[in-house]
Amino acid sequence: MVESLRNTYKPDYLVPPGEVLIEYLESYGITPNEMAVRTGLTEKTMNEIIKGKSPINTKNALKFAQILGRPANFWNSLEKQLQKDRMRLAEKEHKNPLVG
């Protein structure tokens, strides 16, 4: 039997869903503060989501979907991928600590 090798891209950096969110906001001409008002979130929470310090939960994903036209599962998938990447990178760092 012939084994098939798969190339999988595993970046060594994180892409918070907030980076995608800010691109959508800019393309629609919506400021983060305006998005906060429209979603009922505080400006602080919106900025933390954009910076990747606060996760996009299901409730917020639904709000983003209503305003930006991307389904909630799109936003949830971005968040899930971020969490997976965080765990993978933490595990990699744990297995191969830098010698200083």
PDB file of N, CA and C in Angstrom:
ATOM      1  N   MET A   1       0.843  -1.184   0.000  1.00  0.00           N
ATOM      2  CA  MET A   1       0.000   0.000   0.000  1.00  0.00           C
ATOM      3  C   MET A   1       0.888   1.247   0.000  1.00  0.00           C
ATOM      4  N   VAL A   2       0.528   2.225  -0.773  1.00  0.00           N
ATOM      5  CA  VAL A   2       1.288   3.463  -0.874  1.00  0.00           C
ATOM      6  C   VAL A   2       0.749   4.455   0.139  1.00  0.00           C
ATOM      7  N   GLU A   3       1.668   4.990   0.927  1.00  0.00           N
ATOM      8  CA  GLU A   3       1.264   6.003   1.910  1.00  0.00           C
ATOM      9  C   GLU A   3       1.221   7.367   1.249  1.00  0.00           C
ATOM     10  N   SER A   4       0.237   8.102   1.594  1.00  0.00           N
ATOM     11  CA  SER A   4       0.083   9.442   1.062  1.00  0.00           C
ATOM     12  C   SER A   4       0.535  10.447   2.116  1.00  0.00           C
ATOM     13  N   LEU A   5       1.421  11.332   1.716  1.00  0.00           N
ATOM     14  CA  LEU A   5       1.861  12.381   2.623  1.00  0.00           C
ATOM     15  C   LEU A   5       0.981  13.600   2.428  1.00  0.00           C
ATOM     16  N   ARG A   6       0.592  14.174   3.516  1.00  0.00           N
ATOM     17  CA  ARG A   6      -0.227  15.382   3.447  1.00  0.00           C
ATOM     18  C   ARG A   6       0.584  16.561   3.941  1.00  0.00           C
ATOM     19  N   ASN A   7       0.540  17.596   3.172  1.00  0.00           N
ATOM     20  CA  ASN A   7       1.136  18.849   3.606  1.00  0.00           C
ATOM     21  C   ASN A   7       0.087  19.623   4.365  1.00  0.00           C
ATOM     22  N   THR A   8       0.372  19.943   5.578  1.00  0.00           N
ATOM     23  CA  THR A   8      -0.555  20.760   6.340  1.00  0.00           C
ATOM     24  C   THR A   8       0.188  22.000   6.799  1.00  0.00           C
ATOM     25  N   TYR A   9      -0.475  23.099   6.668  1.00  0.00           N
ATOM     26  CA  TYR A   9       0.107  24.370   7.069  1.00  0.00           C
ATOM     27  C   TYR A   9      -0.176  24.589   8.545  1.00  0.00           C
ATOM     28  N   LYS A  10       0.870  24.722   9.324  1.00  0.00           N
ATOM     29  CA  LYS A  10       0.740  24.971  10.751  1.00  0.00           C
ATOM     30  C   LYS A  10       1.582  26.195  11.094  1.00  0.00           C
ATOM     31  N   PRO A  11       0.962  27.365  11.087  1.00  0.00           N
ATOM     32  CA  PRO A  11       1.729  28.589  11.340  1.00  0.00           C
ATOM     33  C   PRO A  11       2.275  28.627  12.765  1.00  0.00           C
ATOM     34  N   ASP A  12       3.357  29.353  12.932  1.00  0.00           N
ATOM     35  CA  ASP A  12       3.949  29.500  14.257  1.00  0.00           C
ATOM     36  C   ASP A  12       3.563  30.847  14.868  1.00  0.00           C
ATOM     37  N   TYR A  13       2.419  31.345  14.450  1.00  0.00           N
ATOM     38  CA  TYR A  13       1.888  32.601  14.979  1.00  0.00           C
ATOM     39  C   TYR A  13       0.373  32.473  15.083  1.00  0.00           C
ATOM     40  N   LEU A  14      -0.223  33.369  15.837  1.00  0.00           N
ATOM     41  CA  LEU A  14      -1.673  33.333  16.053  1.00  0.00           C
ATOM     42  C   LEU A  14      -2.357  34.428  15.242  1.00  0.00           C
ATOM     43  N   VAL A  15      -3.544  34.103  14.744  1.00  0.00           N
ATOM     44  CA  VAL A  15      -4.368  35.086  14.050  1.00  0.00           C
ATOM     45  C   VAL A  15      -5.683  35.182  14.818  1.00  0.00           C
ATOM     46  N   PRO A  16      -5.802  36.188  15.679  1.00  0.00           N
ATOM     47  CA  PRO A  16      -7.049  36.347  16.426  1.00  0.00           C
ATOM     48  C   PRO A  16      -8.214  36.671  15.498  1.00  0.00           C
ATOM     49  N   PRO A  17      -9.398  36.159  15.793  1.00  0.00           N
ATOM     50  CA  PRO A  17     -10.570  36.478  14.981  1.00  0.00           C
ATOM     51  C   PRO A  17     -10.811  37.975  14.878  1.00  0.00           C
ATOM     52  N   GLY A  18     -10.327  38.724  15.861  1.00  0.00           N
ATOM     53  CA  GLY A  18     -10.483  40.169  15.832  1.00  0.00           C
ATOM     54  C   GLY A  18      -9.803  40.817  14.639  1.00  0.00           C
ATOM     55  N   GLU A  19      -8.727  40.191  14.130  1.00  0.00           N
ATOM     56  CA  GLU A  19      -8.066  40.728  12.951  1.00  0.00           C
ATOM     57  C   GLU A  19      -8.975  40.615  11.732  1.00  0.00           C
ATOM     58  N   VAL A  20      -9.708  39.523  11.642  1.00  0.00           N
ATOM     59  CA  VAL A  20     -10.670  39.349  10.553  1.00  0.00           C
ATOM     60  C   VAL A  20     -11.834  40.304  10.767  1.00  0.00           C
ATOM     61  N   LEU A  21     -12.275  40.414  12.008  1.00  0.00           N
ATOM     62  CA  LEU A  21     -13.383  41.308  12.334  1.00  0.00           C
ATOM     63  C   LEU A  21     -13.060  42.742  11.945  1.00  0.00           C
ATOM     64  N   ILE A  22     -11.876  43.206  12.275  1.00  0.00           N
ATOM     65  CA  ILE A  22     -11.522  44.593  11.971  1.00  0.00           C
ATOM     66  C   ILE A  22     -11.485  44.824  10.458  1.00  0.00           C
ATOM     67  N   GLU A  23     -11.073  43.814   9.696  1.00  0.00           N
ATOM     68  CA  GLU A  23     -11.088  43.946   8.238  1.00  0.00           C
ATOM     69  C   GLU A  23     -12.516  44.106   7.723  1.00  0.00           C
ATOM     70  N   TYR A  24     -13.443  43.336   8.290  1.00  0.00           N
ATOM     71  CA  TYR A  24     -14.842  43.466   7.900  1.00  0.00           C
ATOM     72  C   TYR A  24     -15.384  44.843   8.278  1.00  0.00           C
ATOM     73  N   LEU A  25     -15.055  45.282   9.484  1.00  0.00           N
ATOM     74  CA  LEU A  25     -15.535  46.595   9.914  1.00  0.00           C
ATOM     75  C   LEU A  25     -15.034  47.679   8.978  1.00  0.00           C
ATOM     76  N   GLU A  26     -13.754  47.623   8.647  1.00  0.00           N
ATOM     77  CA  GLU A  26     -13.182  48.633   7.748  1.00  0.00           C
ATOM     78  C   GLU A  26     -13.845  48.592   6.378  1.00  0.00           C
ATOM     79  N   SER A  27     -14.116  47.385   5.867  1.00  0.00           N
ATOM     80  CA  SER A  27     -14.731  47.294   4.536  1.00  0.00           C
ATOM     81  C   SER A  27     -16.166  47.821   4.533  1.00  0.00           C
ATOM     82  N   TYR A  28     -16.838  47.763   5.675  1.00  0.00           N
ATOM     83  CA  TYR A  28     -18.204  48.287   5.783  1.00  0.00           C
ATOM     84  C   TYR A  28     -18.236  49.730   6.285  1.00  0.00           C
ATOM     85  N   GLY A  29     -17.062  50.268   6.608  1.00  0.00           N
ATOM     86  CA  GLY A  29     -17.002  51.641   7.106  1.00  0.00           C
ATOM     87  C   GLY A  29     -17.569  51.780   8.516  1.00  0.00           C
ATOM     88  N   ILE A  30     -17.432  50.729   9.307  1.00  0.00           N
ATOM     89  CA  ILE A  30     -17.936  50.732  10.688  1.00  0.00           C
ATOM     90  C   ILE A  30     -16.742  50.815  11.633  1.00  0.00           C
ATOM     91  N   THR A  31     -16.781  51.743  12.567  1.00  0.00           N
ATOM     92  CA  THR A  31     -15.711  51.834  13.560  1.00  0.00           C
ATOM     93  C   THR A  31     -15.948  50.788  14.648  1.00  0.00           C
ATOM     94  N   PRO A  32     -14.902  50.395  15.361  1.00  0.00           N
ATOM     95  CA  PRO A  32     -15.085  49.474  16.479  1.00  0.00           C
ATOM     96  C   PRO A  32     -16.079  50.009  17.519  1.00  0.00           C
ATOM     97  N   ASN A  33     -16.042  51.319  17.766  1.00  0.00           N
ATOM     98  CA  ASN A  33     -16.975  51.903  18.733  1.00  0.00           C
ATOM     99  C   ASN A  33     -18.412  51.814  18.239  1.00  0.00           C
ATOM    100  N   GLU A  34     -18.620  52.045  16.947  1.00  0.00           N
ATOM    101  CA  GLU A  34     -19.961  51.924  16.375  1.00  0.00           C
ATOM    102  C   GLU A  34     -20.436  50.467  16.452  1.00  0.00           C
ATOM    103  N   MET A  35     -19.524  49.529  16.190  1.00  0.00           N
ATOM    104  CA  MET A  35     -19.878  48.115  16.284  1.00  0.00           C
ATOM    105  C   MET A  35     -20.254  47.745  17.712  1.00  0.00           C
ATOM    106  N   ALA A  36     -19.548  48.314  18.670  1.00  0.00           N
ATOM    107  CA  ALA A  36     -19.868  48.073  20.075  1.00  0.00           C
ATOM    108  C   ALA A  36     -21.297  48.527  20.374  1.00  0.00           C
ATOM    109  N   VAL A  37     -21.642  49.710  19.900  1.00  0.00           N
ATOM    110  CA  VAL A  37     -22.999  50.238  20.118  1.00  0.00           C
ATOM    111  C   VAL A  37     -24.030  49.335  19.453  1.00  0.00           C
ATOM    112  N   ARG A  38     -23.784  48.960  18.203  1.00  0.00           N
ATOM    113  CA  ARG A  38     -24.744  48.129  17.462  1.00  0.00           C
ATOM    114  C   ARG A  38     -24.955  46.754  18.101  1.00  0.00           C
ATOM    115  N   THR A  39     -23.905  46.217  18.708  1.00  0.00           N
ATOM    116  CA  THR A  39     -23.998  44.878  19.302  1.00  0.00           C
ATOM    117  C   THR A  39     -24.379  44.904  20.777  1.00  0.00           C
ATOM    118  N   GLY A  40     -24.335  46.085  21.383  1.00  0.00           N
ATOM    119  CA  GLY A  40     -24.627  46.175  22.808  1.00  0.00           C
ATOM    120  C   GLY A  40     -23.448  45.799  23.686  1.00  0.00           C
ATOM    121  N   LEU A  41     -22.272  45.703  23.077  1.00  0.00           N
ATOM    122  CA  LEU A  41     -21.063  45.409  23.842  1.00  0.00           C
ATOM    123  C   LEU A  41     -20.425  46.714  24.302  1.00  0.00           C
ATOM    124  N   THR A  42     -19.605  46.628  25.321  1.00  0.00           N
ATOM    125  CA  THR A  42     -18.865  47.812  25.732  1.00  0.00           C
ATOM    126  C   THR A  42     -17.720  48.039  24.747  1.00  0.00           C
ATOM    127  N   GLU A  43     -17.248  49.263  24.674  1.00  0.00           N
ATOM    128  CA  GLU A  43     -16.104  49.563  23.810  1.00  0.00           C
ATOM    129  C   GLU A  43     -14.895  48.741  24.243  1.00  0.00           C
ATOM    130  N   LYS A  44     -14.739  48.564  25.541  1.00  0.00           N
ATOM    131  CA  LYS A  44     -13.628  47.785  26.069  1.00  0.00           C
ATOM    132  C   LYS A  44     -13.699  46.341  25.579  1.00  0.00           C
ATOM    133  N   THR A  45     -14.873  45.737  25.671  1.00  0.00           N
ATOM    134  CA  THR A  45     -15.029  44.351  25.223  1.00  0.00           C
ATOM    135  C   THR A  45     -14.752  44.230  23.732  1.00  0.00           C
ATOM    136  N   MET A  46     -15.282  45.170  22.953  1.00  0.00           N
ATOM    137  CA  MET A  46     -15.046  45.136  21.505  1.00  0.00           C
ATOM    138  C   MET A  46     -13.558  45.241  21.203  1.00  0.00           C
ATOM    139  N   ASN A  47     -12.857  46.133  21.869  1.00  0.00           N
ATOM    140  CA  ASN A  47     -11.422  46.275  21.650  1.00  0.00           C
ATOM    141  C   ASN A  47     -10.656  45.039  22.091  1.00  0.00           C
ATOM    142  N   GLU A  48     -11.098  44.386  23.154  1.00  0.00           N
ATOM    143  CA  GLU A  48     -10.443  43.160  23.600  1.00  0.00           C
ATOM    144  C   GLU A  48     -10.664  42.022  22.610  1.00  0.00           C
ATOM    145  N   ILE A  49     -11.834  41.967  22.001  1.00  0.00           N
ATOM    146  CA  ILE A  49     -12.097  40.963  20.959  1.00  0.00           C
ATOM    147  C   ILE A  49     -11.180  41.223  19.767  1.00  0.00           C
ATOM    148  N   ILE A  50     -11.090  42.466  19.359  1.00  0.00           N
ATOM    149  CA  ILE A  50     -10.251  42.827  18.208  1.00  0.00           C
ATOM    150  C   ILE A  50      -8.788  42.487  18.472  1.00  0.00           C
ATOM    151  N   LYS A  51      -8.321  42.708  19.696  1.00  0.00           N
ATOM    152  CA  LYS A  51      -6.923  42.440  20.042  1.00  0.00           C
ATOM    153  C   LYS A  51      -6.659  40.971  20.378  1.00  0.00           C
ATOM    154  N   GLY A  52      -7.725  40.157  20.418  1.00  0.00           N
ATOM    155  CA  GLY A  52      -7.556  38.740  20.725  1.00  0.00           C
ATOM    156  C   GLY A  52      -7.448  38.441  22.202  1.00  0.00           C
ATOM    157  N   LYS A  53      -7.782  39.414  23.042  1.00  0.00           N
ATOM    158  CA  LYS A  53      -7.716  39.222  24.491  1.00  0.00           C
ATOM    159  C   LYS A  53      -9.005  38.649  25.053  1.00  0.00           C
ATOM    160  N   SER A  54     -10.086  38.793  24.306  1.00  0.00           N
ATOM    161  CA  SER A  54     -11.389  38.285  24.717  1.00  0.00           C
ATOM    162  C   SER A  54     -11.935  37.425  23.583  1.00  0.00           C
ATOM    163  N   PRO A  55     -12.499  36.262  23.896  1.00  0.00           N
ATOM    164  CA  PRO A  55     -12.995  35.381  22.833  1.00  0.00           C
ATOM    165  C   PRO A  55     -14.324  35.869  22.251  1.00  0.00           C
ATOM    166  N   ILE A  56     -14.599  35.410  21.056  1.00  0.00           N
ATOM    167  CA  ILE A  56     -15.908  35.629  20.452  1.00  0.00           C
ATOM    168  C   ILE A  56     -16.791  34.480  20.909  1.00  0.00           C
ATOM    169  N   ASN A  57     -17.755  34.784  21.743  1.00  0.00           N
ATOM    170  CA  ASN A  57     -18.659  33.731  22.205  1.00  0.00           C
ATOM    171  C   ASN A  57     -19.829  33.600  21.227  1.00  0.00           C
ATOM    172  N   THR A  58     -20.665  32.610  21.455  1.00  0.00           N
ATOM    173  CA  THR A  58     -21.780  32.331  20.548  1.00  0.00           C
ATOM    174  C   THR A  58     -22.728  33.514  20.423  1.00  0.00           C
ATOM    175  N   LYS A  59     -23.015  34.153  21.539  1.00  0.00           N
ATOM    176  CA  LYS A  59     -23.929  35.298  21.533  1.00  0.00           C
ATOM    177  C   LYS A  59     -23.380  36.428  20.659  1.00  0.00           C
ATOM    178  N   ASN A  60     -22.091  36.720  20.811  1.00  0.00           N
ATOM    179  CA  ASN A  60     -21.476  37.780  20.010  1.00  0.00           C
ATOM    180  C   ASN A  60     -21.378  37.383  18.545  1.00  0.00           C
ATOM    181  N   ALA A  61     -21.109  36.104  18.286  1.00  0.00           N
ATOM    182  CA  ALA A  61     -21.040  35.624  16.903  1.00  0.00           C
ATOM    183  C   ALA A  61     -22.374  35.853  16.199  1.00  0.00           C
ATOM    184  N   LEU A  62     -23.466  35.627  16.908  1.00  0.00           N
ATOM    185  CA  LEU A  62     -24.792  35.854  16.334  1.00  0.00           C
ATOM    186  C   LEU A  62     -25.009  37.342  16.031  1.00  0.00           C
ATOM    187  N   LYS A  63     -24.554  38.201  16.922  1.00  0.00           N
ATOM    188  CA  LYS A  63     -24.670  39.649  16.701  1.00  0.00           C
ATOM    189  C   LYS A  63     -23.832  40.088  15.503  1.00  0.00           C
ATOM    190  N   PHE A  64     -22.611  39.560  15.417  1.00  0.00           N
ATOM    191  CA  PHE A  64     -21.743  39.906  14.288  1.00  0.00           C
ATOM    192  C   PHE A  64     -22.378  39.442  12.981  1.00  0.00           C
ATOM    193  N   ALA A  65     -22.995  38.268  13.010  1.00  0.00           N
ATOM    194  CA  ALA A  65     -23.641  37.725  11.814  1.00  0.00           C
ATOM    195  C   ALA A  65     -24.759  38.643  11.329  1.00  0.00           C
ATOM    196  N   GLN A  66     -25.540  39.148  12.248  1.00  0.00           N
ATOM    197  CA  GLN A  66     -26.645  40.037  11.878  1.00  0.00           C
ATOM    198  C   GLN A  66     -26.151  41.322  11.230  1.00  0.00           C
ATOM    199  N   ILE A  67     -25.058  41.840  11.731  1.00  0.00           N
ATOM    200  CA  ILE A  67     -24.570  43.131  11.258  1.00  0.00           C
ATOM    201  C   ILE A  67     -23.677  43.002  10.023  1.00  0.00           C
ATOM    202  N   LEU A  68     -22.819  41.968  10.011  1.00  0.00           N
ATOM    203  CA  LEU A  68     -21.816  41.862   8.951  1.00  0.00           C
ATOM    204  C   LEU A  68     -22.165  40.862   7.847  1.00  0.00           C
ATOM    205  N   GLY A  69     -23.219  40.095   8.048  1.00  0.00           N
ATOM    206  CA  GLY A  69     -23.656  39.184   6.997  1.00  0.00           C
ATOM    207  C   GLY A  69     -22.878  37.891   6.872  1.00  0.00           C
ATOM    208  N   ARG A  70     -21.940  37.647   7.760  1.00  0.00           N
ATOM    209  CA  ARG A  70     -21.231  36.363   7.787  1.00  0.00           C
ATOM    210  C   ARG A  70     -21.906  35.514   8.851  1.00  0.00           C
ATOM    211  N   PRO A  71     -22.149  34.230   8.588  1.00  0.00           N
ATOM    212  CA  PRO A  71     -22.864  33.401   9.563  1.00  0.00           C
ATOM    213  C   PRO A  71     -22.100  33.268  10.883  1.00  0.00           C
ATOM    214  N   ALA A  72     -22.844  33.019  11.933  1.00  0.00           N
ATOM    215  CA  ALA A  72     -22.248  32.894  13.270  1.00  0.00           C
ATOM    216  C   ALA A  72     -21.190  31.797  13.303  1.00  0.00           C
ATOM    217  N   ASN A  73     -21.422  30.706  12.557  1.00  0.00           N
ATOM    218  CA  ASN A  73     -20.432  29.625  12.594  1.00  0.00           C
ATOM    219  C   ASN A  73     -19.092  30.049  11.995  1.00  0.00           C
ATOM    220  N   PHE A  74     -19.092  31.056  11.127  1.00  0.00           N
ATOM    221  CA  PHE A  74     -17.841  31.608  10.599  1.00  0.00           C
ATOM    222  C   PHE A  74     -17.019  32.190  11.745  1.00  0.00           C
ATOM    223  N   TRP A  75     -17.657  33.015  12.572  1.00  0.00           N
ATOM    224  CA  TRP A  75     -16.971  33.654  13.698  1.00  0.00           C
ATOM    225  C   TRP A  75     -16.586  32.615  14.747  1.00  0.00           C
ATOM    226  N   ASN A  76     -17.467  31.653  14.993  1.00  0.00           N
ATOM    227  CA  ASN A  76     -17.153  30.592  15.960  1.00  0.00           C
ATOM    228  C   ASN A  76     -15.986  29.738  15.487  1.00  0.00           C
ATOM    229  N   SER A  77     -15.933  29.470  14.197  1.00  0.00           N
ATOM    230  CA  SER A  77     -14.828  28.672  13.646  1.00  0.00           C
ATOM    231  C   SER A  77     -13.494  29.396  13.785  1.00  0.00           C
ATOM    232  N   LEU A  78     -13.502  30.701  13.545  1.00  0.00           N
ATOM    233  CA  LEU A  78     -12.266  31.478  13.727  1.00  0.00           C
ATOM    234  C   LEU A  78     -11.789  31.401  15.173  1.00  0.00           C
ATOM    235  N   GLU A  79     -12.723  31.517  16.109  1.00  0.00           N
ATOM    236  CA  GLU A  79     -12.370  31.454  17.527  1.00  0.00           C
ATOM    237  C   GLU A  79     -11.850  30.061  17.895  1.00  0.00           C
ATOM    238  N   LYS A  80     -12.522  29.042  17.405  1.00  0.00           N
ATOM    239  CA  LYS A  80     -12.108  27.662  17.686  1.00  0.00           C
ATOM    240  C   LYS A  80     -10.700  27.408  17.144  1.00  0.00           C
ATOM    241  N   GLN A  81     -10.427  27.887  15.939  1.00  0.00           N
ATOM    242  CA  GLN A  81      -9.103  27.703  15.358  1.00  0.00           C
ATOM    243  C   GLN A  81      -8.037  28.428  16.173  1.00  0.00           C
ATOM    244  N   LEU A  82      -8.348  29.611  16.656  1.00  0.00           N
ATOM    245  CA  LEU A  82      -7.400  30.337  17.499  1.00  0.00           C
ATOM    246  C   LEU A  82      -7.072  29.532  18.747  1.00  0.00           C
ATOM    247  N   GLN A  83      -8.087  28.968  19.383  1.00  0.00           N
ATOM    248  CA  GLN A  83      -7.857  28.192  20.603  1.00  0.00           C
ATOM    249  C   GLN A  83      -7.013  26.946  20.310  1.00  0.00           C
ATOM    250  N   LYS A  84      -7.275  26.280  19.200  1.00  0.00           N
ATOM    251  CA  LYS A  84      -6.473  25.111  18.803  1.00  0.00           C
ATOM    252  C   LYS A  84      -5.022  25.516  18.578  1.00  0.00           C
ATOM    253  N   ASP A  85      -4.831  26.616  17.852  1.00  0.00           N
ATOM    254  CA  ASP A  85      -3.474  27.085  17.567  1.00  0.00           C
ATOM    255  C   ASP A  85      -2.743  27.468  18.849  1.00  0.00           C
ATOM    256  N   ARG A  86      -3.447  28.092  19.780  1.00  0.00           N
ATOM    257  CA  ARG A  86      -2.828  28.444  21.070  1.00  0.00           C
ATOM    258  C   ARG A  86      -2.342  27.191  21.795  1.00  0.00           C
ATOM    259  N   MET A  87      -3.186  26.172  21.822  1.00  0.00           N
ATOM    260  CA  MET A  87      -2.798  24.924  22.494  1.00  0.00           C
ATOM    261  C   MET A  87      -1.626  24.263  21.780  1.00  0.00           C
ATOM    262  N   ARG A  88      -1.670  24.234  20.450  1.00  0.00           N
ATOM    263  CA  ARG A  88      -0.596  23.608  19.679  1.00  0.00           C
ATOM    264  C   ARG A  88       0.726  24.329  19.908  1.00  0.00           C
ATOM    265  N   LEU A  89       0.701  25.651  19.875  1.00  0.00           N
ATOM    266  CA  LEU A  89       1.939  26.404  20.075  1.00  0.00           C
ATOM    267  C   LEU A  89       2.456  26.284  21.505  1.00  0.00           C
ATOM    268  N   ALA A  90       1.546  26.249  22.474  1.00  0.00           N
ATOM    269  CA  ALA A  90       1.962  26.077  23.866  1.00  0.00           C
ATOM    270  C   ALA A  90       2.599  24.705  24.065  1.00  0.00           C
ATOM    271  N   GLU A  91       2.024  23.697  23.443  1.00  0.00           N
ATOM    272  CA  GLU A  91       2.577  22.345  23.543  1.00  0.00           C
ATOM    273  C   GLU A  91       3.947  22.281  22.877  1.00  0.00           C
ATOM    274  N   LYS A  92       4.068  22.907  21.719  1.00  0.00           N
ATOM    275  CA  LYS A  92       5.347  22.941  21.004  1.00  0.00           C
ATOM    276  C   LYS A  92       6.409  23.638  21.851  1.00  0.00           C
ATOM    277  N   GLU A  93       6.033  24.747  22.479  1.00  0.00           N
ATOM    278  CA  GLU A  93       6.970  25.482  23.324  1.00  0.00           C
ATOM    279  C   GLU A  93       7.374  24.664  24.535  1.00  0.00           C
ATOM    280  N   HIS A  94       6.418  23.934  25.081  1.00  0.00           N
ATOM    281  CA  HIS A  94       6.676  23.086  26.253  1.00  0.00           C
ATOM    282  C   HIS A  94       7.639  21.957  25.890  1.00  0.00           C
ATOM    283  N   LYS A  95       7.475  21.381  24.711  1.00  0.00           N
ATOM    284  CA  LYS A  95       8.328  20.267  24.279  1.00  0.00           C
ATOM    285  C   LYS A  95       9.717  20.744  23.888  1.00  0.00           C
ATOM    286  N   ASN A  96       9.812  21.961  23.359  1.00  0.00           N
ATOM    287  CA  ASN A  96      11.086  22.493  22.872  1.00  0.00           C
ATOM    288  C   ASN A  96      11.375  23.851  23.510  1.00  0.00           C
ATOM    289  N   PRO A  97      11.578  23.889  24.832  1.00  0.00           N
ATOM    290  CA  PRO A  97      11.839  25.189  25.452  1.00  0.00           C
ATOM    291  C   PRO A  97      13.148  25.789  24.956  1.00  0.00           C
ATOM    292  N   LEU A  98      13.148  27.096  24.845  1.00  0.00           N
ATOM    293  CA  LEU A  98      14.357  27.792  24.422  1.00  0.00           C
ATOM    294  C   LEU A  98      15.396  27.726  25.520  1.00  0.00           C
ATOM    295  N   VAL A  99      16.602  27.510  25.128  1.00  0.00           N
ATOM    296  CA  VAL A  99      17.715  27.473  26.083  1.00  0.00           C
ATOM    297  C   VAL A  99      18.305  28.877  26.123  1.00  0.00           C
ATOM    298  N   GLY A 100      18.324  29.481  27.293  1.00  0.00           N
ATOM    299  CA  GLY A 100      18.773  30.861  27.370  1.00  0.00           C
ATOM    300  C   GLY A 100      19.975  31.007  28.091  1.00  0.00           C
TER     301      GLY A 100
END
